[in-house]
Amino acid sequence: MKKERPILFPEFENSVSGDKIKEEENHDIRPGHRFKIGKPSNRYFQYIHTSLNFNEHNIKGLKDMLGLQGLEVMVTSILMMTNGVSYAVLMRNDKKQFLDNTLKIYAETEKSLRTKELIR
């Protein structure tokens, strides 16, 4: 009689199949869609940035971004990086600045939606 392979973490395998469906939905982000900035997934926002130059980020800038919770934003464009990660360029609906002379912020599309840093 042939033995069946045991499933070590059945709850993990079920969640993986559910995540694949959500990732397909996340690709539906297009310019003009409106979102709301939600709560940070950690102490600070992990997937929403003021710049794509990650060497310039500092703690003061991350603390300042905590004040952006609840703002309504609009996707102006989508950037596809060479490593396959896509970033949404976000602007405020009222065309005002976010922080110190910052008109646009960048959000990693799939991860920011999954962690609810961006809310539809």
N, C-alpha and C. Protein backbone atom coordinates (compact mmCIF):
# COMPACT_ATOMS: atom_id res chain seq x y z
N MET A 1 0.83 -1.16 0.00
CA MET A 1 0.00 0.00 0.00
C MET A 1 0.89 1.25 0.00
N LYS A 2 0.54 2.23 -0.84
CA LYS A 2 1.34 3.43 -0.96
C LYS A 2 0.90 4.46 0.08
N LYS A 3 1.88 5.05 0.77
CA LYS A 3 1.56 6.05 1.78
C LYS A 3 1.40 7.42 1.12
N GLU A 4 0.50 8.19 1.70
CA GLU A 4 0.31 9.56 1.21
C GLU A 4 1.29 10.48 1.91
N ARG A 5 1.71 11.48 1.19
CA ARG A 5 2.62 12.47 1.75
C ARG A 5 1.86 13.33 2.76
N PRO A 6 2.37 13.48 3.99
CA PRO A 6 1.66 14.29 4.98
C PRO A 6 1.78 15.79 4.65
N ILE A 7 0.72 16.50 4.93
CA ILE A 7 0.73 17.95 4.76
C ILE A 7 1.11 18.55 6.10
N LEU A 8 2.28 19.21 6.13
CA LEU A 8 2.80 19.71 7.40
C LEU A 8 2.03 20.93 7.91
N PHE A 9 1.73 21.87 7.03
CA PHE A 9 1.04 23.09 7.43
C PHE A 9 -0.15 23.30 6.50
N PRO A 10 -1.28 22.65 6.78
CA PRO A 10 -2.41 22.75 5.87
C PRO A 10 -2.99 24.16 5.78
N GLU A 11 -2.94 24.93 6.87
CA GLU A 11 -3.49 26.28 6.82
C GLU A 11 -2.64 27.18 5.94
N PHE A 12 -1.34 26.90 5.84
CA PHE A 12 -0.47 27.70 4.98
C PHE A 12 -0.76 27.41 3.50
N GLU A 13 -0.99 26.17 3.15
CA GLU A 13 -1.26 25.83 1.76
C GLU A 13 -2.59 26.42 1.30
N ASN A 14 -3.57 26.51 2.17
CA ASN A 14 -4.84 27.12 1.80
C ASN A 14 -4.68 28.62 1.60
N SER A 15 -3.88 29.28 2.43
CA SER A 15 -3.71 30.72 2.29
C SER A 15 -2.91 31.07 1.05
N VAL A 16 -2.00 30.19 0.63
CA VAL A 16 -1.23 30.47 -0.58
C VAL A 16 -2.14 30.51 -1.79
N SER A 17 -3.07 29.59 -1.88
CA SER A 17 -3.98 29.58 -3.03
C SER A 17 -4.87 30.82 -3.00
N GLY A 18 -5.22 31.30 -1.82
CA GLY A 18 -6.02 32.52 -1.71
C GLY A 18 -5.24 33.75 -2.10
N ASP A 19 -3.92 33.79 -1.78
CA ASP A 19 -3.09 34.94 -2.12
C ASP A 19 -2.91 35.05 -3.63
N LYS A 20 -2.88 33.93 -4.35
CA LYS A 20 -2.70 33.99 -5.79
C LYS A 20 -3.88 34.69 -6.44
N ILE A 21 -5.06 34.50 -5.91
CA ILE A 21 -6.24 35.17 -6.46
C ILE A 21 -6.14 36.66 -6.20
N LYS A 22 -5.70 37.06 -5.01
CA LYS A 22 -5.60 38.48 -4.68
C LYS A 22 -4.53 39.16 -5.52
N GLU A 23 -3.41 38.48 -5.82
CA GLU A 23 -2.37 39.10 -6.62
C GLU A 23 -2.87 39.41 -8.02
N GLU A 24 -3.72 38.58 -8.57
CA GLU A 24 -4.27 38.86 -9.88
C GLU A 24 -5.16 40.10 -9.83
N GLU A 25 -5.88 40.30 -8.75
CA GLU A 25 -6.72 41.48 -8.60
C GLU A 25 -5.89 42.74 -8.47
N ASN A 26 -4.72 42.66 -7.86
CA ASN A 26 -3.89 43.83 -7.64
C ASN A 26 -3.34 44.40 -8.93
N HIS A 27 -3.24 43.60 -9.97
CA HIS A 27 -2.73 44.11 -11.24
C HIS A 27 -3.74 45.01 -11.92
N ASP A 28 -4.92 45.15 -11.35
CA ASP A 28 -5.96 45.97 -11.94
C ASP A 28 -5.78 47.45 -11.59
N ILE A 29 -4.74 47.82 -10.89
CA ILE A 29 -4.49 49.22 -10.54
C ILE A 29 -4.11 49.96 -11.80
N ARG A 30 -4.84 51.04 -12.07
CA ARG A 30 -4.58 51.84 -13.26
C ARG A 30 -4.55 53.31 -12.89
N PRO A 31 -3.92 54.12 -13.71
CA PRO A 31 -3.96 55.58 -13.46
C PRO A 31 -5.40 56.08 -13.41
N GLY A 32 -5.66 56.93 -12.46
CA GLY A 32 -7.00 57.46 -12.25
C GLY A 32 -7.74 56.81 -11.11
N HIS A 33 -7.30 55.64 -10.66
CA HIS A 33 -7.96 54.99 -9.52
C HIS A 33 -7.68 55.78 -8.26
N ARG A 34 -8.66 55.80 -7.38
CA ARG A 34 -8.54 56.55 -6.12
C ARG A 34 -8.40 55.58 -4.96
N PHE A 35 -7.52 55.93 -4.03
CA PHE A 35 -7.27 55.13 -2.85
C PHE A 35 -7.24 56.03 -1.63
N LYS A 36 -7.21 55.39 -0.48
CA LYS A 36 -7.05 56.09 0.79
C LYS A 36 -5.83 55.48 1.48
N ILE A 37 -5.00 56.31 2.08
CA ILE A 37 -3.83 55.81 2.79
C ILE A 37 -4.29 55.28 4.14
N GLY A 38 -4.01 54.02 4.40
CA GLY A 38 -4.45 53.36 5.62
C GLY A 38 -3.42 53.45 6.73
N LYS A 39 -3.45 52.48 7.61
CA LYS A 39 -2.52 52.43 8.73
C LYS A 39 -1.21 51.79 8.29
N PRO A 40 -0.10 52.17 8.93
CA PRO A 40 1.19 51.52 8.61
C PRO A 40 1.15 50.04 8.98
N SER A 41 1.83 49.23 8.19
CA SER A 41 1.85 47.80 8.46
C SER A 41 2.78 47.45 9.61
N ASN A 42 3.67 48.31 9.95
CA ASN A 42 4.61 48.13 11.03
C ASN A 42 4.57 49.40 11.86
N ARG A 43 5.67 49.76 12.47
CA ARG A 43 5.71 51.02 13.19
C ARG A 43 5.63 52.20 12.22
N TYR A 44 6.23 52.03 11.05
CA TYR A 44 6.21 53.03 9.99
C TYR A 44 5.68 52.36 8.72
N PHE A 45 5.42 53.18 7.70
CA PHE A 45 5.01 52.63 6.41
C PHE A 45 6.17 51.88 5.79
N GLN A 46 5.95 50.64 5.41
CA GLN A 46 7.01 49.84 4.79
C GLN A 46 6.98 49.92 3.28
N TYR A 47 5.82 50.12 2.69
CA TYR A 47 5.68 50.02 1.23
C TYR A 47 5.23 51.31 0.58
N ILE A 48 5.16 52.39 1.33
CA ILE A 48 4.87 53.71 0.78
C ILE A 48 6.08 54.59 1.07
N HIS A 49 6.62 55.22 0.02
CA HIS A 49 7.88 55.97 0.15
C HIS A 49 7.75 57.34 -0.49
N THR A 50 8.55 58.28 -0.03
CA THR A 50 8.59 59.61 -0.63
C THR A 50 9.54 59.66 -1.81
N SER A 51 10.45 58.71 -1.90
CA SER A 51 11.43 58.68 -2.98
C SER A 51 11.76 57.23 -3.30
N LEU A 52 12.14 56.98 -4.54
CA LEU A 52 12.57 55.64 -4.91
C LEU A 52 14.07 55.45 -4.70
N ASN A 53 14.77 56.50 -4.28
CA ASN A 53 16.18 56.39 -3.92
C ASN A 53 16.22 55.99 -2.44
N PHE A 54 16.36 54.70 -2.18
CA PHE A 54 16.26 54.19 -0.82
C PHE A 54 17.43 54.56 0.06
N ASN A 55 18.51 55.10 -0.51
CA ASN A 55 19.64 55.55 0.29
C ASN A 55 19.34 56.87 0.99
N GLU A 56 18.34 57.61 0.53
CA GLU A 56 18.01 58.91 1.11
C GLU A 56 17.04 58.82 2.28
N HIS A 57 16.43 57.68 2.53
CA HIS A 57 15.42 57.57 3.58
C HIS A 57 16.05 57.66 4.96
N ASN A 58 15.34 58.34 5.86
CA ASN A 58 15.80 58.44 7.25
C ASN A 58 14.59 58.33 8.18
N ILE A 59 14.86 58.22 9.45
CA ILE A 59 13.79 58.03 10.45
C ILE A 59 12.88 59.24 10.51
N LYS A 60 13.43 60.44 10.40
CA LYS A 60 12.60 61.64 10.47
C LYS A 60 11.57 61.65 9.34
N GLY A 61 11.98 61.26 8.14
CA GLY A 61 11.05 61.21 7.02
C GLY A 61 9.98 60.16 7.22
N LEU A 62 10.34 59.03 7.82
CA LEU A 62 9.35 57.99 8.09
C LEU A 62 8.35 58.44 9.13
N LYS A 63 8.82 59.17 10.14
CA LYS A 63 7.91 59.68 11.18
C LYS A 63 6.96 60.72 10.60
N ASP A 64 7.47 61.56 9.70
CA ASP A 64 6.62 62.58 9.08
C ASP A 64 5.50 61.95 8.25
N MET A 65 5.78 60.80 7.65
CA MET A 65 4.78 60.15 6.81
C MET A 65 3.62 59.58 7.61
N LEU A 66 3.77 59.44 8.92
CA LEU A 66 2.66 58.93 9.74
C LEU A 66 1.45 59.87 9.71
N GLY A 67 1.69 61.13 9.43
CA GLY A 67 0.60 62.11 9.34
C GLY A 67 -0.23 61.98 8.07
N LEU A 68 0.16 61.11 7.16
CA LEU A 68 -0.57 60.94 5.90
C LEU A 68 -1.75 59.98 6.01
N GLN A 69 -1.96 59.39 7.16
CA GLN A 69 -3.04 58.41 7.31
C GLN A 69 -4.39 59.08 7.04
N GLY A 70 -5.21 58.42 6.24
CA GLY A 70 -6.54 58.91 5.95
C GLY A 70 -6.64 59.82 4.75
N LEU A 71 -5.52 60.19 4.15
CA LEU A 71 -5.58 61.06 2.97
C LEU A 71 -6.08 60.29 1.76
N GLU A 72 -6.86 60.95 0.93
CA GLU A 72 -7.31 60.34 -0.31
C GLU A 72 -6.33 60.71 -1.40
N VAL A 73 -5.88 59.69 -2.14
CA VAL A 73 -4.88 59.89 -3.19
C VAL A 73 -5.38 59.29 -4.50
N MET A 74 -4.72 59.69 -5.58
CA MET A 74 -5.07 59.19 -6.90
C MET A 74 -3.80 58.67 -7.58
N VAL A 75 -3.92 57.55 -8.28
CA VAL A 75 -2.79 56.98 -9.01
C VAL A 75 -2.61 57.79 -10.28
N THR A 76 -1.40 58.34 -10.48
CA THR A 76 -1.13 59.11 -11.69
C THR A 76 -0.41 58.27 -12.73
N SER A 77 0.42 57.30 -12.29
CA SER A 77 1.09 56.41 -13.24
C SER A 77 1.59 55.18 -12.50
N ILE A 78 1.99 54.18 -13.27
CA ILE A 78 2.54 52.93 -12.74
C ILE A 78 3.95 52.78 -13.28
N LEU A 79 4.90 52.51 -12.39
CA LEU A 79 6.29 52.27 -12.79
C LEU A 79 6.61 50.79 -12.64
N MET A 80 7.11 50.18 -13.70
CA MET A 80 7.55 48.78 -13.65
C MET A 80 9.07 48.76 -13.59
N MET A 81 9.62 48.18 -12.53
CA MET A 81 11.07 48.10 -12.36
C MET A 81 11.61 46.87 -13.09
N THR A 82 12.92 46.83 -13.24
CA THR A 82 13.54 45.71 -13.96
C THR A 82 13.44 44.41 -13.17
N ASN A 83 13.30 44.49 -11.85
CA ASN A 83 13.18 43.27 -11.05
C ASN A 83 11.73 42.77 -10.98
N GLY A 84 10.80 43.41 -11.70
CA GLY A 84 9.43 42.94 -11.76
C GLY A 84 8.49 43.60 -10.76
N VAL A 85 9.00 44.43 -9.88
CA VAL A 85 8.17 45.10 -8.87
C VAL A 85 7.54 46.33 -9.52
N SER A 86 6.26 46.56 -9.24
CA SER A 86 5.59 47.73 -9.79
C SER A 86 5.27 48.71 -8.66
N TYR A 87 5.46 49.99 -8.96
CA TYR A 87 5.19 51.06 -8.02
C TYR A 87 4.12 51.96 -8.61
N ALA A 88 3.19 52.38 -7.77
CA ALA A 88 2.16 53.34 -8.17
C ALA A 88 2.61 54.72 -7.72
N VAL A 89 2.54 55.68 -8.63
CA VAL A 89 2.86 57.07 -8.30
C VAL A 89 1.56 57.71 -7.84
N LEU A 90 1.55 58.24 -6.62
CA LEU A 90 0.33 58.76 -6.00
C LEU A 90 0.42 60.26 -5.80
N MET A 91 -0.68 60.96 -6.08
CA MET A 91 -0.80 62.38 -5.79
C MET A 91 -2.08 62.61 -4.99
N ARG A 92 -2.11 63.69 -4.24
CA ARG A 92 -3.32 64.03 -3.50
C ARG A 92 -4.42 64.45 -4.47
N ASN A 93 -5.65 64.24 -4.10
CA ASN A 93 -6.78 64.61 -4.96
C ASN A 93 -6.89 66.11 -5.12
N ASP A 94 -6.50 66.87 -4.09
CA ASP A 94 -6.61 68.32 -4.15
C ASP A 94 -5.35 68.98 -4.69
N LYS A 95 -4.41 68.20 -5.22
CA LYS A 95 -3.17 68.67 -5.86
C LYS A 95 -2.25 69.45 -4.92
N LYS A 96 -2.42 69.30 -3.61
CA LYS A 96 -1.53 69.94 -2.65
C LYS A 96 -0.33 69.04 -2.40
N GLN A 97 0.66 69.58 -1.69
CA GLN A 97 1.86 68.82 -1.38
C GLN A 97 1.61 67.90 -0.19
N PHE A 98 2.31 66.75 -0.19
CA PHE A 98 2.22 65.83 0.94
C PHE A 98 3.02 66.36 2.12
N LEU A 99 4.30 66.48 1.92
CA LEU A 99 5.23 66.90 2.97
C LEU A 99 6.07 68.04 2.42
N ASP A 100 7.28 68.20 2.90
CA ASP A 100 8.16 69.27 2.47
C ASP A 100 8.45 69.17 0.97
N ASN A 101 7.74 69.97 0.18
CA ASN A 101 7.91 70.03 -1.28
C ASN A 101 7.82 68.67 -1.95
N THR A 102 6.98 67.79 -1.46
CA THR A 102 6.78 66.46 -2.05
C THR A 102 5.39 66.42 -2.67
N LEU A 103 5.35 66.40 -4.00
CA LEU A 103 4.07 66.34 -4.70
C LEU A 103 3.60 64.92 -4.90
N LYS A 104 4.56 63.97 -5.04
CA LYS A 104 4.22 62.59 -5.35
C LYS A 104 4.85 61.66 -4.33
N ILE A 105 4.15 60.58 -4.02
CA ILE A 105 4.73 59.51 -3.23
C ILE A 105 4.57 58.21 -4.02
N TYR A 106 5.34 57.22 -3.63
CA TYR A 106 5.40 55.96 -4.37
C TYR A 106 4.97 54.82 -3.46
N ALA A 107 4.14 53.94 -3.99
CA ALA A 107 3.66 52.79 -3.21
C ALA A 107 3.89 51.53 -4.02
N GLU A 108 4.49 50.53 -3.37
CA GLU A 108 4.64 49.23 -4.02
C GLU A 108 3.25 48.61 -4.11
N THR A 109 2.79 48.35 -5.32
CA THR A 109 1.37 48.08 -5.53
C THR A 109 0.88 46.84 -4.80
N GLU A 110 1.49 45.70 -5.01
CA GLU A 110 0.96 44.46 -4.44
C GLU A 110 1.08 44.43 -2.92
N LYS A 111 2.23 44.78 -2.40
CA LYS A 111 2.44 44.68 -0.95
C LYS A 111 1.68 45.74 -0.17
N SER A 112 1.56 46.94 -0.70
CA SER A 112 0.84 47.98 0.03
C SER A 112 -0.66 47.67 0.10
N LEU A 113 -1.20 47.04 -0.92
CA LEU A 113 -2.61 46.64 -0.86
C LEU A 113 -2.82 45.45 0.06
N ARG A 114 -1.89 44.51 0.03
CA ARG A 114 -2.03 43.31 0.86
C ARG A 114 -1.94 43.67 2.34
N THR A 115 -1.06 44.62 2.69
CA THR A 115 -0.90 45.00 4.10
C THR A 115 -1.84 46.14 4.51
N LYS A 116 -2.70 46.57 3.57
CA LYS A 116 -3.71 47.60 3.80
C LYS A 116 -3.11 48.96 4.14
N GLU A 117 -1.91 49.21 3.62
CA GLU A 117 -1.39 50.57 3.69
C GLU A 117 -2.13 51.46 2.68
N LEU A 118 -2.58 50.86 1.59
CA LEU A 118 -3.47 51.51 0.63
C LEU A 118 -4.82 50.80 0.69
N ILE A 119 -5.88 51.57 0.79
CA ILE A 119 -7.23 51.00 0.89
C ILE A 119 -8.03 51.49 -0.31
N ARG A 120 -8.75 50.56 -0.93
CA ARG A 120 -9.58 50.95 -2.09
C ARG A 120 -10.81 51.68 -1.65
